[in-house]
Amino acid sequence: MTVEPSTEPTDDLPTLTRLRLLPWLGPEGKPCYLDTDDSGSMLSRLADSAEAVQLREAEALIRYAEDMLAGERTPPHALRFLGCRLAQALRDVSRVAVSRGMRLPEPAHAEEPYEDEAEAEERPRPAAEPTG
């Protein structure tokens, strides 16, 4: 079942804050979410197991890539295959990180919103103080 998370309360439904992003995609290629408070449920344990497999596979792929890239005569088709596998592993690991981040408690203090480098470059900087 594919459910889009909502942080906006509606009159009919409570805010869905306990959704867990699952480590696989739905049949239409969309993210899947699990709505449960029970981290020990069968589906939660299955998701934990799938995440562990994805992380182990990514670690093994990194070691394989390092060995392959150390070689001087790796054929282009092997590098392309490696790139495809690394991209898939990065997607999997990113999904695990997002899922785990969504389940972290809110920090007690208010943080500054993340500012990307492009925004930081556009902001005027104070003039440097002369040293001397």
C-alpha atoms as a PDB file:
ATOM      1  CA  MET A   1       0.000   0.000   0.000  1.00  0.00           C
ATOM      2  CA  THR A   2       1.381   3.407  -0.943  1.00  0.00           C
ATOM      3  CA  VAL A   3       0.516   6.346   1.296  1.00  0.00           C
ATOM      4  CA  GLU A   4       1.830   9.863   0.946  1.00  0.00           C
ATOM      5  CA  PRO A   5       2.805  11.353   4.319  1.00  0.00           C
ATOM      6  CA  SER A   6       1.012  14.443   5.475  1.00  0.00           C
ATOM      7  CA  THR A   7       2.107  16.941   8.054  1.00  0.00           C
ATOM      8  CA  GLU A   8      -0.964  19.107   7.585  1.00  0.00           C
ATOM      9  CA  PRO A   9      -3.846  18.273   9.938  1.00  0.00           C
ATOM     10  CA  THR A  10      -7.254  17.911   8.366  1.00  0.00           C
ATOM     11  CA  ASP A  11     -10.692  17.861   9.935  1.00  0.00           C
ATOM     12  CA  ASP A  12     -11.091  14.154   9.179  1.00  0.00           C
ATOM     13  CA  LEU A  13      -7.645  12.704   9.885  1.00  0.00           C
ATOM     14  CA  PRO A  14      -5.033  13.274  12.578  1.00  0.00           C
ATOM     15  CA  THR A  15      -1.553  14.369  11.605  1.00  0.00           C
ATOM     16  CA  LEU A  16       0.440  11.311  10.530  1.00  0.00           C
ATOM     17  CA  THR A  17       3.641  11.639  12.504  1.00  0.00           C
ATOM     18  CA  ARG A  18       4.456   7.990  13.061  1.00  0.00           C
ATOM     19  CA  LEU A  19       4.799   6.970   9.422  1.00  0.00           C
ATOM     20  CA  ARG A  20       7.893   4.960   8.638  1.00  0.00           C
ATOM     21  CA  LEU A  21       9.398   5.119   5.169  1.00  0.00           C
ATOM     22  CA  LEU A  22       9.928   1.514   4.145  1.00  0.00           C
ATOM     23  CA  PRO A  23      13.141   0.392   2.404  1.00  0.00           C
ATOM     24  CA  TRP A  24      11.350  -0.638  -0.786  1.00  0.00           C
ATOM     25  CA  LEU A  25       9.138   0.951  -3.394  1.00  0.00           C
ATOM     26  CA  GLY A  26       5.510   0.166  -4.106  1.00  0.00           C
ATOM     27  CA  PRO A  27       4.278  -1.484  -7.302  1.00  0.00           C
ATOM     28  CA  GLU A  28       4.047   1.889  -9.065  1.00  0.00           C
ATOM     29  CA  GLY A  29       7.587   2.878  -8.041  1.00  0.00           C
ATOM     30  CA  LYS A  30       6.340   5.191  -5.287  1.00  0.00           C
ATOM     31  CA  PRO A  31       7.582   5.258  -1.678  1.00  0.00           C
ATOM     32  CA  CYS A  32       5.830   2.970   0.791  1.00  0.00           C
ATOM     33  CA  TYR A  33       5.056   3.965   4.359  1.00  0.00           C
ATOM     34  CA  LEU A  34       4.097   1.946   7.403  1.00  0.00           C
ATOM     35  CA  ASP A  35       1.740   3.489   9.928  1.00  0.00           C
ATOM     36  CA  THR A  36       2.418   1.842  13.288  1.00  0.00           C
ATOM     37  CA  ASP A  37       3.499   2.630  16.817  1.00  0.00           C
ATOM     38  CA  ASP A  38       4.838  -0.916  17.234  1.00  0.00           C
ATOM     39  CA  SER A  39       8.511  -1.058  16.241  1.00  0.00           C
ATOM     40  CA  GLY A  40       8.417  -4.790  16.980  1.00  0.00           C
ATOM     41  CA  SER A  41       5.608  -5.609  14.546  1.00  0.00           C
ATOM     42  CA  MET A  42       6.234  -8.212  11.860  1.00  0.00           C
ATOM     43  CA  LEU A  43       6.402  -5.597   9.088  1.00  0.00           C
ATOM     44  CA  SER A  44       8.672  -3.338  11.164  1.00  0.00           C
ATOM     45  CA  ARG A  45      11.064  -6.244  11.757  1.00  0.00           C
ATOM     46  CA  LEU A  46      10.975  -7.107   8.050  1.00  0.00           C
ATOM     47  CA  ALA A  47      11.830  -3.494   7.205  1.00  0.00           C
ATOM     48  CA  ASP A  48      14.673  -3.521   9.774  1.00  0.00           C
ATOM     49  CA  SER A  49      16.031  -6.697   8.205  1.00  0.00           C
ATOM     50  CA  ALA A  50      15.783  -5.280   4.669  1.00  0.00           C
ATOM     51  CA  GLU A  51      17.593  -2.091   5.777  1.00  0.00           C
ATOM     52  CA  ALA A  52      20.379  -4.160   7.348  1.00  0.00           C
ATOM     53  CA  VAL A  53      20.804  -6.137   4.105  1.00  0.00           C
ATOM     54  CA  GLN A  54      20.889  -2.933   2.036  1.00  0.00           C
ATOM     55  CA  LEU A  55      23.543  -1.391   4.298  1.00  0.00           C
ATOM     56  CA  ARG A  56      25.717  -4.535   4.248  1.00  0.00           C
ATOM     57  CA  GLU A  57      25.446  -4.762   0.459  1.00  0.00           C
ATOM     58  CA  ALA A  58      26.430  -1.091   0.110  1.00  0.00           C
ATOM     59  CA  GLU A  59      29.492  -1.625   2.315  1.00  0.00           C
ATOM     60  CA  ALA A  60      30.542  -4.660   0.262  1.00  0.00           C
ATOM     61  CA  LEU A  61      29.995  -2.718  -2.970  1.00  0.00           C
ATOM     62  CA  ILE A  62      32.200   0.120  -1.728  1.00  0.00           C
ATOM     63  CA  ARG A  63      35.058  -2.327  -1.066  1.00  0.00           C
ATOM     64  CA  TYR A  64      34.528  -3.904  -4.511  1.00  0.00           C
ATOM     65  CA  ALA A  65      34.512  -0.461  -6.174  1.00  0.00           C
ATOM     66  CA  GLU A  66      37.720   0.563  -4.422  1.00  0.00           C
ATOM     67  CA  ASP A  67      39.444  -2.601  -5.639  1.00  0.00           C
ATOM     68  CA  MET A  68      38.096  -2.209  -9.164  1.00  0.00           C
ATOM     69  CA  LEU A  69      39.070   1.457  -9.394  1.00  0.00           C
ATOM     70  CA  ALA A  70      42.580   0.685  -8.161  1.00  0.00           C
ATOM     71  CA  GLY A  71      43.102  -1.413 -11.289  1.00  0.00           C
ATOM     72  CA  GLU A  72      44.571   0.358 -14.284  1.00  0.00           C
ATOM     73  CA  ARG A  73      42.779  -1.641 -16.966  1.00  0.00           C
ATOM     74  CA  THR A  74      39.170  -1.831 -15.887  1.00  0.00           C
ATOM     75  CA  PRO A  75      37.015  -2.085 -19.023  1.00  0.00           C
ATOM     76  CA  PRO A  76      34.457   0.677 -19.625  1.00  0.00           C
ATOM     77  CA  HIS A  77      31.502  -1.753 -19.503  1.00  0.00           C
ATOM     78  CA  ALA A  78      32.614  -2.904 -16.022  1.00  0.00           C
ATOM     79  CA  LEU A  79      32.835   0.713 -14.846  1.00  0.00           C
ATOM     80  CA  ARG A  80      29.351   1.403 -16.209  1.00  0.00           C
ATOM     81  CA  PHE A  81      27.959  -1.620 -14.388  1.00  0.00           C
ATOM     82  CA  LEU A  82      29.747  -0.528 -11.218  1.00  0.00           C
ATOM     83  CA  GLY A  83      28.312   2.985 -11.555  1.00  0.00           C
ATOM     84  CA  CYS A  84      24.775   1.594 -11.905  1.00  0.00           C
ATOM     85  CA  ARG A  85      25.210  -0.620  -8.838  1.00  0.00           C
ATOM     86  CA  LEU A  86      26.688   2.269  -6.817  1.00  0.00           C
ATOM     87  CA  ALA A  87      23.761   4.504  -7.791  1.00  0.00           C
ATOM     88  CA  GLN A  88      21.265   1.855  -6.642  1.00  0.00           C
ATOM     89  CA  ALA A  89      23.154   1.346  -3.377  1.00  0.00           C
ATOM     90  CA  LEU A  90      23.209   5.101  -2.801  1.00  0.00           C
ATOM     91  CA  ARG A  91      19.438   5.274  -3.356  1.00  0.00           C
ATOM     92  CA  ASP A  92      18.920   2.440  -0.875  1.00  0.00           C
ATOM     93  CA  VAL A  93      21.203   3.940   1.774  1.00  0.00           C
ATOM     94  CA  SER A  94      19.625   7.362   1.288  1.00  0.00           C
ATOM     95  CA  ARG A  95      16.158   5.869   1.805  1.00  0.00           C
ATOM     96  CA  VAL A  96      17.375   4.171   5.022  1.00  0.00           C
ATOM     97  CA  ALA A  97      18.829   7.477   6.267  1.00  0.00           C
ATOM     98  CA  VAL A  98      15.636   9.397   5.496  1.00  0.00           C
ATOM     99  CA  SER A  99      13.516   6.711   7.159  1.00  0.00           C
ATOM    100  CA  ARG A 100      15.626   6.753  10.299  1.00  0.00           C
ATOM    101  CA  GLY A 101      15.758  10.553  10.336  1.00  0.00           C
ATOM    102  CA  MET A 102      11.964  10.737  10.135  1.00  0.00           C
ATOM    103  CA  ARG A 103      11.775   8.603  13.285  1.00  0.00           C
ATOM    104  CA  LEU A 104      14.129  10.764  15.356  1.00  0.00           C
ATOM    105  CA  PRO A 105      12.533  12.890  18.045  1.00  0.00           C
ATOM    106  CA  GLU A 106      12.376  16.618  17.422  1.00  0.00           C
ATOM    107  CA  PRO A 107      15.329  18.428  19.056  1.00  0.00           C
ATOM    108  CA  ALA A 108      14.558  20.390  22.196  1.00  0.00           C
ATOM    109  CA  HIS A 109      16.136  23.542  20.745  1.00  0.00           C
ATOM    110  CA  ALA A 110      15.204  25.376  17.581  1.00  0.00           C
ATOM    111  CA  GLU A 111      17.801  25.043  14.858  1.00  0.00           C
ATOM    112  CA  GLU A 112      18.586  27.387  12.024  1.00  0.00           C
ATOM    113  CA  PRO A 113      17.173  25.978   8.798  1.00  0.00           C
ATOM    114  CA  TYR A 114      19.702  24.345   6.512  1.00  0.00           C
ATOM    115  CA  GLU A 115      21.160  26.770   4.020  1.00  0.00           C
ATOM    116  CA  ASP A 116      22.666  25.417   0.848  1.00  0.00           C
ATOM    117  CA  GLU A 117      25.826  26.858  -0.665  1.00  0.00           C
ATOM    118  CA  ALA A 118      23.971  28.725  -3.426  1.00  0.00           C
ATOM    119  CA  GLU A 119      21.891  30.632  -0.870  1.00  0.00           C
ATOM    120  CA  ALA A 120      24.964  31.373   1.222  1.00  0.00           C
ATOM    121  CA  GLU A 121      26.791  32.814  -1.811  1.00  0.00           C
ATOM    122  CA  GLU A 122      23.892  35.149  -2.620  1.00  0.00           C
ATOM    123  CA  ARG A 123      23.811  36.626   0.881  1.00  0.00           C
ATOM    124  CA  PRO A 124      25.947  39.785   1.325  1.00  0.00           C
ATOM    125  CA  ARG A 125      29.011  39.265   3.499  1.00  0.00           C
ATOM    126  CA  PRO A 126      30.361  41.846   5.947  1.00  0.00           C
ATOM    127  CA  ALA A 127      33.512  43.659   4.847  1.00  0.00           C
ATOM    128  CA  ALA A 128      36.732  42.262   6.281  1.00  0.00           C
ATOM    129  CA  GLU A 129      38.351  44.211   9.083  1.00  0.00           C
ATOM    130  CA  PRO A 130      41.796  45.561   8.179  1.00  0.00           C
ATOM    131  CA  THR A 131      44.589  43.858  10.091  1.00  0.00           C
ATOM    132  CA  GLY A 132      47.686  45.546  10.866  1.00  0.00           C
END
